Every structure is written in structure tokens, then in C-alpha cells.
């Protein structure tokens, strides 16, 4: 089965991968000048409860778990 993934979905994965993996006390700030696709991805991650702010912030517990799974997939495929 082939599934077409939206650009927002792919941007969400890229953004999740940018969060620091060593500390939950470090986060990201998405600036107003960022690409629209990045801003949209951050809002989507916030809406899904994976990050604490619509413009970045910190990973939530669910976001931390999701980011860890993403890193496992990325490590396997690299």
C-alpha cells in the first residue's frame, strides 16, 4: 500500500527531529519569519498535543515519545 503524505506531515517529522533529544528542558522557537510550511507544521504538532506552544516550545510527554520513535526509524533507515 502506497500512501501519499502531505507536505505538512513531512514538515512535522522534520520539526520533531530538530528537538533536542538529551533534555526536556530545551525547546525550539519558530519565528514569524519562518517558512509558512514550518509554521503550519508547528501549529499542527501543537494541535496534536506533541509540543507545548503553537510556535514551538517544548515536547510534551507524548511528543517526547513520538520523537523517540521517529529517531529509531531515522537511525534504522540511515
PDB file of N, CA and C in Angstrom:
ATOM      1  N   UNK A   1       0.841  -1.171   0.000  1.00  0.00           N
ATOM      2  CA  UNK A   1       0.000   0.000   0.000  1.00  0.00           C
ATOM      3  C   UNK A   1       0.890   1.240   0.000  1.00  0.00           C
ATOM      4  N   UNK A   2       0.647   2.130  -0.915  1.00  0.00           N
ATOM      5  CA  UNK A   2       1.381   3.387  -1.007  1.00  0.00           C
ATOM      6  C   UNK A   2       0.472   4.496  -0.511  1.00  0.00           C
ATOM      7  N   UNK A   3       1.005   5.272   0.422  1.00  0.00           N
ATOM      8  CA  UNK A   3       0.223   6.372   0.971  1.00  0.00           C
ATOM      9  C   UNK A   3       0.916   7.673   0.617  1.00  0.00           C
ATOM     10  N   UNK A   4       0.149   8.624   0.163  1.00  0.00           N
ATOM     11  CA  UNK A   4       0.700   9.945  -0.121  1.00  0.00           C
ATOM     12  C   UNK A   4       0.655  10.765   1.154  1.00  0.00           C
ATOM     13  N   UNK A   5       1.804  11.257   1.573  1.00  0.00           N
ATOM     14  CA  UNK A   5       1.887  12.059   2.780  1.00  0.00           C
ATOM     15  C   UNK A   5       1.896  13.525   2.406  1.00  0.00           C
ATOM     16  N   UNK A   6       1.183  14.308   3.183  1.00  0.00           N
ATOM     17  CA  UNK A   6       1.108  15.742   2.911  1.00  0.00           C
ATOM     18  C   UNK A   6       2.442  16.408   3.235  1.00  0.00           C
ATOM     19  N   UNK A   7       2.644  17.578   2.653  1.00  0.00           N
ATOM     20  CA  UNK A   7       3.848  18.347   2.949  1.00  0.00           C
ATOM     21  C   UNK A   7       3.899  18.700   4.436  1.00  0.00           C
ATOM     22  N   UNK A   8       2.747  18.984   5.020  1.00  0.00           N
ATOM     23  CA  UNK A   8       2.704  19.322   6.448  1.00  0.00           C
ATOM     24  C   UNK A   8       3.177  18.138   7.285  1.00  0.00           C
ATOM     25  N   UNK A   9       2.751  16.946   6.925  1.00  0.00           N
ATOM     26  CA  UNK A   9       3.162  15.740   7.648  1.00  0.00           C
ATOM     27  C   UNK A   9       4.681  15.588   7.610  1.00  0.00           C
ATOM     28  N   UNK A  10       5.265  15.774   6.446  1.00  0.00           N
ATOM     29  CA  UNK A  10       6.721  15.650   6.318  1.00  0.00           C
ATOM     30  C   UNK A  10       7.427  16.759   7.084  1.00  0.00           C
ATOM     31  N   UNK A  11       6.889  17.966   7.067  1.00  0.00           N
ATOM     32  CA  UNK A  11       7.467  19.073   7.836  1.00  0.00           C
ATOM     33  C   UNK A  11       7.355  18.802   9.336  1.00  0.00           C
ATOM     34  N   UNK A  12       6.266  18.169   9.759  1.00  0.00           N
ATOM     35  CA  UNK A  12       6.112  17.804  11.170  1.00  0.00           C
ATOM     36  C   UNK A  12       7.234  16.865  11.592  1.00  0.00           C
ATOM     37  N   UNK A  13       7.535  15.882  10.773  1.00  0.00           N
ATOM     38  CA  UNK A  13       8.605  14.945  11.099  1.00  0.00           C
ATOM     39  C   UNK A  13       9.954  15.658  11.159  1.00  0.00           C
ATOM     40  N   UNK A  14      10.206  16.534  10.202  1.00  0.00           N
ATOM     41  CA  UNK A  14      11.463  17.291  10.210  1.00  0.00           C
ATOM     42  C   UNK A  14      11.579  18.135  11.472  1.00  0.00           C
ATOM     43  N   UNK A  15      10.492  18.783  11.842  1.00  0.00           N
ATOM     44  CA  UNK A  15      10.495  19.642  13.018  1.00  0.00           C
ATOM     45  C   UNK A  15      10.684  18.819  14.293  1.00  0.00           C
ATOM     46  N   UNK A  16       9.994  17.710  14.414  1.00  0.00           N
ATOM     47  CA  UNK A  16      10.172  16.840  15.574  1.00  0.00           C
ATOM     48  C   UNK A  16      11.620  16.381  15.708  1.00  0.00           C
ATOM     49  N   UNK A  17      12.258  16.096  14.596  1.00  0.00           N
ATOM     50  CA  UNK A  17      13.640  15.619  14.604  1.00  0.00           C
ATOM     51  C   UNK A  17      14.607  16.704  15.072  1.00  0.00           C
ATOM     52  N   UNK A  18      14.207  17.956  15.012  1.00  0.00           N
ATOM     53  CA  UNK A  18      15.088  19.057  15.424  1.00  0.00           C
ATOM     54  C   UNK A  18      15.074  19.306  16.927  1.00  0.00           C
ATOM     55  N   UNK A  19      14.092  18.763  17.629  1.00  0.00           N
ATOM     56  CA  UNK A  19      14.051  18.960  19.072  1.00  0.00           C
ATOM     57  C   UNK A  19      15.204  18.211  19.719  1.00  0.00           C
ATOM     58  N   UNK A  20      15.836  18.839  20.724  1.00  0.00           N
ATOM     59  CA  UNK A  20      16.943  18.166  21.422  1.00  0.00           C
ATOM     60  C   UNK A  20      16.470  16.857  22.045  1.00  0.00           C
ATOM     61  N   UNK A  21      17.291  15.835  21.917  1.00  0.00           N
ATOM     62  CA  UNK A  21      16.897  14.533  22.448  1.00  0.00           C
ATOM     63  C   UNK A  21      17.471  14.275  23.832  1.00  0.00           C
ATOM     64  N   UNK A  22      18.368  15.140  24.287  1.00  0.00           N
ATOM     65  CA  UNK A  22      19.033  14.887  25.562  1.00  0.00           C
ATOM     66  C   UNK A  22      18.366  15.567  26.744  1.00  0.00           C
ATOM     67  N   UNK A  23      17.524  16.557  26.500  1.00  0.00           N
ATOM     68  CA  UNK A  23      16.917  17.277  27.614  1.00  0.00           C
ATOM     69  C   UNK A  23      15.515  17.737  27.263  1.00  0.00           C
ATOM     70  N   UNK A  24      14.605  17.551  28.193  1.00  0.00           N
ATOM     71  CA  UNK A  24      13.241  18.037  28.002  1.00  0.00           C
ATOM     72  C   UNK A  24      13.159  19.516  28.406  1.00  0.00           C
ATOM     73  N   UNK A  25      14.273  20.065  28.878  1.00  0.00           N
ATOM     74  CA  UNK A  25      14.327  21.462  29.288  1.00  0.00           C
ATOM     75  C   UNK A  25      14.768  22.375  28.151  1.00  0.00           C
ATOM     76  N   UNK A  26      15.047  21.804  26.995  1.00  0.00           N
ATOM     77  CA  UNK A  26      15.419  22.576  25.821  1.00  0.00           C
ATOM     78  C   UNK A  26      14.310  22.443  24.789  1.00  0.00           C
ATOM     79  N   UNK A  27      14.025  23.543  24.132  1.00  0.00           N
ATOM     80  CA  UNK A  27      12.957  23.511  23.139  1.00  0.00           C
ATOM     81  C   UNK A  27      13.344  24.269  21.887  1.00  0.00           C
ATOM     82  N   UNK A  28      12.344  24.587  21.084  1.00  0.00           N
ATOM     83  CA  UNK A  28      12.539  25.330  19.837  1.00  0.00           C
ATOM     84  C   UNK A  28      11.583  26.514  19.803  1.00  0.00           C
ATOM     85  N   UNK A  29      11.987  27.542  19.101  1.00  0.00           N
ATOM     86  CA  UNK A  29      11.139  28.709  18.871  1.00  0.00           C
ATOM     87  C   UNK A  29      11.024  28.882  17.363  1.00  0.00           C
ATOM     88  N   UNK A  30       9.807  28.851  16.863  1.00  0.00           N
ATOM     89  CA  UNK A  30       9.562  29.073  15.438  1.00  0.00           C
ATOM     90  C   UNK A  30       9.194  30.545  15.280  1.00  0.00           C
ATOM     91  N   UNK A  31      10.014  31.270  14.563  1.00  0.00           N
ATOM     92  CA  UNK A  31       9.800  32.704  14.394  1.00  0.00           C
ATOM     93  C   UNK A  31       8.772  32.996  13.305  1.00  0.00           C
ATOM     94  N   UNK A  32       8.186  34.169  13.380  1.00  0.00           N
ATOM     95  CA  UNK A  32       7.173  34.591  12.400  1.00  0.00           C
ATOM     96  C   UNK A  32       7.726  34.606  10.979  1.00  0.00           C
ATOM     97  N   UNK A  33       9.038  34.771  10.857  1.00  0.00           N
ATOM     98  CA  UNK A  33       9.678  34.848   9.546  1.00  0.00           C
ATOM     99  C   UNK A  33       9.984  33.472   8.954  1.00  0.00           C
ATOM    100  N   UNK A  34       9.716  32.423   9.712  1.00  0.00           N
ATOM    101  CA  UNK A  34       9.979  31.066   9.213  1.00  0.00           C
ATOM    102  C   UNK A  34       9.082  30.772   8.014  1.00  0.00           C
ATOM    103  N   UNK A  35       9.474  29.778   7.260  1.00  0.00           N
ATOM    104  CA  UNK A  35       8.674  29.359   6.107  1.00  0.00           C
ATOM    105  C   UNK A  35       7.267  28.980   6.576  1.00  0.00           C
ATOM    106  N   UNK A  36       6.288  29.297   5.753  1.00  0.00           N
ATOM    107  CA  UNK A  36       4.897  29.007   6.092  1.00  0.00           C
ATOM    108  C   UNK A  36       4.703  27.528   6.416  1.00  0.00           C
ATOM    109  N   UNK A  37       5.394  26.653   5.713  1.00  0.00           N
ATOM    110  CA  UNK A  37       5.244  25.212   5.950  1.00  0.00           C
ATOM    111  C   UNK A  37       5.736  24.820   7.344  1.00  0.00           C
ATOM    112  N   UNK A  38       6.764  25.492   7.835  1.00  0.00           N
ATOM    113  CA  UNK A  38       7.292  25.201   9.174  1.00  0.00           C
ATOM    114  C   UNK A  38       6.320  25.713  10.237  1.00  0.00           C
ATOM    115  N   UNK A  39       5.792  26.906  10.031  1.00  0.00           N
ATOM    116  CA  UNK A  39       4.807  27.479  10.954  1.00  0.00           C
ATOM    117  C   UNK A  39       3.575  26.583  11.016  1.00  0.00           C
ATOM    118  N   UNK A  40       3.140  26.120   9.864  1.00  0.00           N
ATOM    119  CA  UNK A  40       1.970  25.232   9.776  1.00  0.00           C
ATOM    120  C   UNK A  40       2.249  23.896  10.487  1.00  0.00           C
ATOM    121  N   UNK A  41       3.454  23.383  10.317  1.00  0.00           N
ATOM    122  CA  UNK A  41       3.817  22.120  10.969  1.00  0.00           C
ATOM    123  C   UNK A  41       3.826  22.281  12.488  1.00  0.00           C
ATOM    124  N   UNK A  42       4.361  23.398  12.972  1.00  0.00           N
ATOM    125  CA  UNK A  42       4.390  23.645  14.413  1.00  0.00           C
ATOM    126  C   UNK A  42       2.963  23.731  14.964  1.00  0.00           C
ATOM    127  N   UNK A  43       2.098  24.421  14.267  1.00  0.00           N
ATOM    128  CA  UNK A  43       0.711  24.535  14.715  1.00  0.00           C
ATOM    129  C   UNK A  43       0.053  23.158  14.749  1.00  0.00           C
ATOM    130  N   UNK A  44       0.321  22.342  13.752  1.00  0.00           N
ATOM    131  CA  UNK A  44      -0.251  21.002  13.691  1.00  0.00           C
ATOM    132  C   UNK A  44       0.257  20.135  14.848  1.00  0.00           C
ATOM    133  N   UNK A  45       1.556  20.216  15.145  1.00  0.00           N
ATOM    134  CA  UNK A  45       2.107  19.454  16.270  1.00  0.00           C
ATOM    135  C   UNK A  45       1.498  19.916  17.591  1.00  0.00           C
ATOM    136  N   UNK A  46       1.281  21.219  17.717  1.00  0.00           N
ATOM    137  CA  UNK A  46       0.632  21.760  18.913  1.00  0.00           C
ATOM    138  C   UNK A  46      -0.801  21.245  19.017  1.00  0.00           C
ATOM    139  N   UNK A  47      -1.524  21.291  17.902  1.00  0.00           N
ATOM    140  CA  UNK A  47      -2.918  20.816  17.885  1.00  0.00           C
ATOM    141  C   UNK A  47      -3.014  19.333  18.263  1.00  0.00           C
ATOM    142  N   UNK A  48      -1.996  18.572  17.940  1.00  0.00           N
ATOM    143  CA  UNK A  48      -1.970  17.142  18.255  1.00  0.00           C
ATOM    144  C   UNK A  48      -1.461  16.873  19.665  1.00  0.00           C
ATOM    145  N   UNK A  49      -1.051  17.934  20.367  1.00  0.00           N
ATOM    146  CA  UNK A  49      -0.577  17.782  21.734  1.00  0.00           C
ATOM    147  C   UNK A  49       0.849  17.289  21.859  1.00  0.00           C
ATOM    148  N   UNK A  50       1.651  17.459  20.801  1.00  0.00           N
ATOM    149  CA  UNK A  50       3.027  16.969  20.824  1.00  0.00           C
ATOM    150  C   UNK A  50       4.030  18.020  21.271  1.00  0.00           C
ATOM    151  N   UNK A  51       3.681  19.306  21.130  1.00  0.00           N
ATOM    152  CA  UNK A  51       4.534  20.389  21.608  1.00  0.00           C
ATOM    153  C   UNK A  51       3.701  21.341  22.461  1.00  0.00           C
ATOM    154  N   UNK A  52       4.390  22.097  23.302  1.00  0.00           N
ATOM    155  CA  UNK A  52       3.692  22.894  24.315  1.00  0.00           C
ATOM    156  C   UNK A  52       3.178  24.243  23.834  1.00  0.00           C
ATOM    157  N   UNK A  53       3.680  24.748  22.727  1.00  0.00           N
ATOM    158  CA  UNK A  53       3.267  26.053  22.212  1.00  0.00           C
ATOM    159  C   UNK A  53       3.028  25.959  20.705  1.00  0.00           C
ATOM    160  N   UNK A  54       2.170  26.814  20.193  1.00  0.00           N
ATOM    161  CA  UNK A  54       1.878  26.779  18.750  1.00  0.00           C
ATOM    162  C   UNK A  54       3.088  27.189  17.913  1.00  0.00           C
ATOM    163  N   UNK A  55       4.063  27.841  18.540  1.00  0.00           N
ATOM    164  CA  UNK A  55       5.265  28.268  17.821  1.00  0.00           C
ATOM    165  C   UNK A  55       6.519  27.563  18.341  1.00  0.00           C
ATOM    166  N   UNK A  56       6.343  26.352  18.800  1.00  0.00           N
ATOM    167  CA  UNK A  56       7.485  25.567  19.266  1.00  0.00           C
ATOM    168  C   UNK A  56       7.342  25.176  20.718  1.00  0.00           C
ATOM    169  N   UNK A  57       8.188  25.751  21.545  1.00  0.00           N
ATOM    170  CA  UNK A  57       8.157  25.411  22.966  1.00  0.00           C
ATOM    171  C   UNK A  57       8.907  24.121  23.223  1.00  0.00           C
ATOM    172  N   UNK A  58       8.303  23.295  24.041  1.00  0.00           N
ATOM    173  CA  UNK A  58       8.929  22.041  24.459  1.00  0.00           C
ATOM    174  C   UNK A  58       8.088  20.864  24.002  1.00  0.00           C
ATOM    175  N   UNK A  59       8.725  19.701  23.936  1.00  0.00           N
ATOM    176  CA  UNK A  59       7.974  18.490  23.653  1.00  0.00           C
ATOM    177  C   UNK A  59       7.147  18.121  24.874  1.00  0.00           C
ATOM    178  N   UNK A  60       5.921  17.735  24.648  1.00  0.00           N
ATOM    179  CA  UNK A  60       5.099  17.185  25.723  1.00  0.00           C
ATOM    180  C   UNK A  60       5.552  15.741  25.954  1.00  0.00           C
ATOM    181  N   UNK A  61       4.984  15.080  26.945  1.00  0.00           N
ATOM    182  CA  UNK A  61       5.333  13.673  27.166  1.00  0.00           C
ATOM    183  C   UNK A  61       5.045  12.845  25.916  1.00  0.00           C
ATOM    184  N   UNK A  62       3.900  13.099  25.298  1.00  0.00           N
ATOM    185  CA  UNK A  62       3.539  12.388  24.070  1.00  0.00           C
ATOM    186  C   UNK A  62       4.492  12.746  22.933  1.00  0.00           C
ATOM    187  N   UNK A  63       4.873  14.016  22.862  1.00  0.00           N
ATOM    188  CA  UNK A  63       5.813  14.463  21.840  1.00  0.00           C
ATOM    189  C   UNK A  63       7.178  13.835  22.020  1.00  0.00           C
ATOM    190  N   UNK A  64       7.610  13.717  23.267  1.00  0.00           N
ATOM    191  CA  UNK A  64       8.897  13.092  23.566  1.00  0.00           C
ATOM    192  C   UNK A  64       8.908  11.640  23.107  1.00  0.00           C
ATOM    193  N   UNK A  65       7.826  10.936  23.384  1.00  0.00           N
ATOM    194  CA  UNK A  65       7.715   9.538  22.969  1.00  0.00           C
ATOM    195  C   UNK A  65       7.684   9.421  21.441  1.00  0.00           C
ATOM    196  N   UNK A  66       6.935  10.303  20.799  1.00  0.00           N
ATOM    197  CA  UNK A  66       6.838  10.283  19.337  1.00  0.00           C
ATOM    198  C   UNK A  66       8.186  10.596  18.698  1.00  0.00           C
ATOM    199  N   UNK A  67       8.886  11.595  19.244  1.00  0.00           N
ATOM    200  CA  UNK A  67      10.199  11.958  18.714  1.00  0.00           C
ATOM    201  C   UNK A  67      11.186  10.807  18.873  1.00  0.00           C
ATOM    202  N   UNK A  68      11.089  10.083  19.972  1.00  0.00           N
ATOM    203  CA  UNK A  68      11.964   8.933  20.185  1.00  0.00           C
ATOM    204  C   UNK A  68      11.699   7.856  19.137  1.00  0.00           C
ATOM    205  N   UNK A  69      10.434   7.585  18.851  1.00  0.00           N
ATOM    206  CA  UNK A  69      10.093   6.612  17.806  1.00  0.00           C
ATOM    207  C   UNK A  69      10.620   7.076  16.446  1.00  0.00           C
ATOM    208  N   UNK A  70      10.462   8.358  16.171  1.00  0.00           N
ATOM    209  CA  UNK A  70      10.953   8.914  14.906  1.00  0.00           C
ATOM    210  C   UNK A  70      12.464   8.731  14.785  1.00  0.00           C
ATOM    211  N   UNK A  71      13.187   8.983  15.863  1.00  0.00           N
ATOM    212  CA  UNK A  71      14.653   8.815  15.828  1.00  0.00           C
ATOM    213  C   UNK A  71      15.049   7.366  15.575  1.00  0.00           C
ATOM    214  N   UNK A  72      14.273   6.423  16.129  1.00  0.00           N
ATOM    215  CA  UNK A  72      14.548   4.994  15.878  1.00  0.00           C
ATOM    216  C   UNK A  72      14.364   4.679  14.395  1.00  0.00           C
ATOM    217  N   UNK A  73      13.312   5.201  13.806  1.00  0.00           N
ATOM    218  CA  UNK A  73      13.060   4.960  12.376  1.00  0.00           C
ATOM    219  C   UNK A  73      14.178   5.587  11.550  1.00  0.00           C
ATOM    220  N   UNK A  74      14.539   6.814  11.878  1.00  0.00           N
ATOM    221  CA  UNK A  74      15.573   7.515  11.108  1.00  0.00           C
ATOM    222  C   UNK A  74      16.923   6.800  11.216  1.00  0.00           C
ATOM    223  N   UNK A  75      17.238   6.312  12.410  1.00  0.00           N
ATOM    224  CA  UNK A  75      18.500   5.583  12.610  1.00  0.00           C
ATOM    225  C   UNK A  75      18.501   4.289  11.794  1.00  0.00           C
ATOM    226  N   UNK A  76      17.395   3.605  11.788  1.00  0.00           N
ATOM    227  CA  UNK A  76      17.285   2.361  11.046  1.00  0.00           C
ATOM    228  C   UNK A  76      17.441   2.579   9.550  1.00  0.00           C
ATOM    229  N   UNK A  77      16.849   3.644   9.051  1.00  0.00           N
ATOM    230  CA  UNK A  77      16.875   3.905   7.605  1.00  0.00           C
ATOM    231  C   UNK A  77      18.167   4.547   7.124  1.00  0.00           C
ATOM    232  N   UNK A  78      18.909   5.121   8.039  1.00  0.00           N
ATOM    233  CA  UNK A  78      20.191   5.743   7.642  1.00  0.00           C
ATOM    234  C   UNK A  78      21.230   4.710   7.530  1.00  0.00           C
TER     235      UNK A  78
END
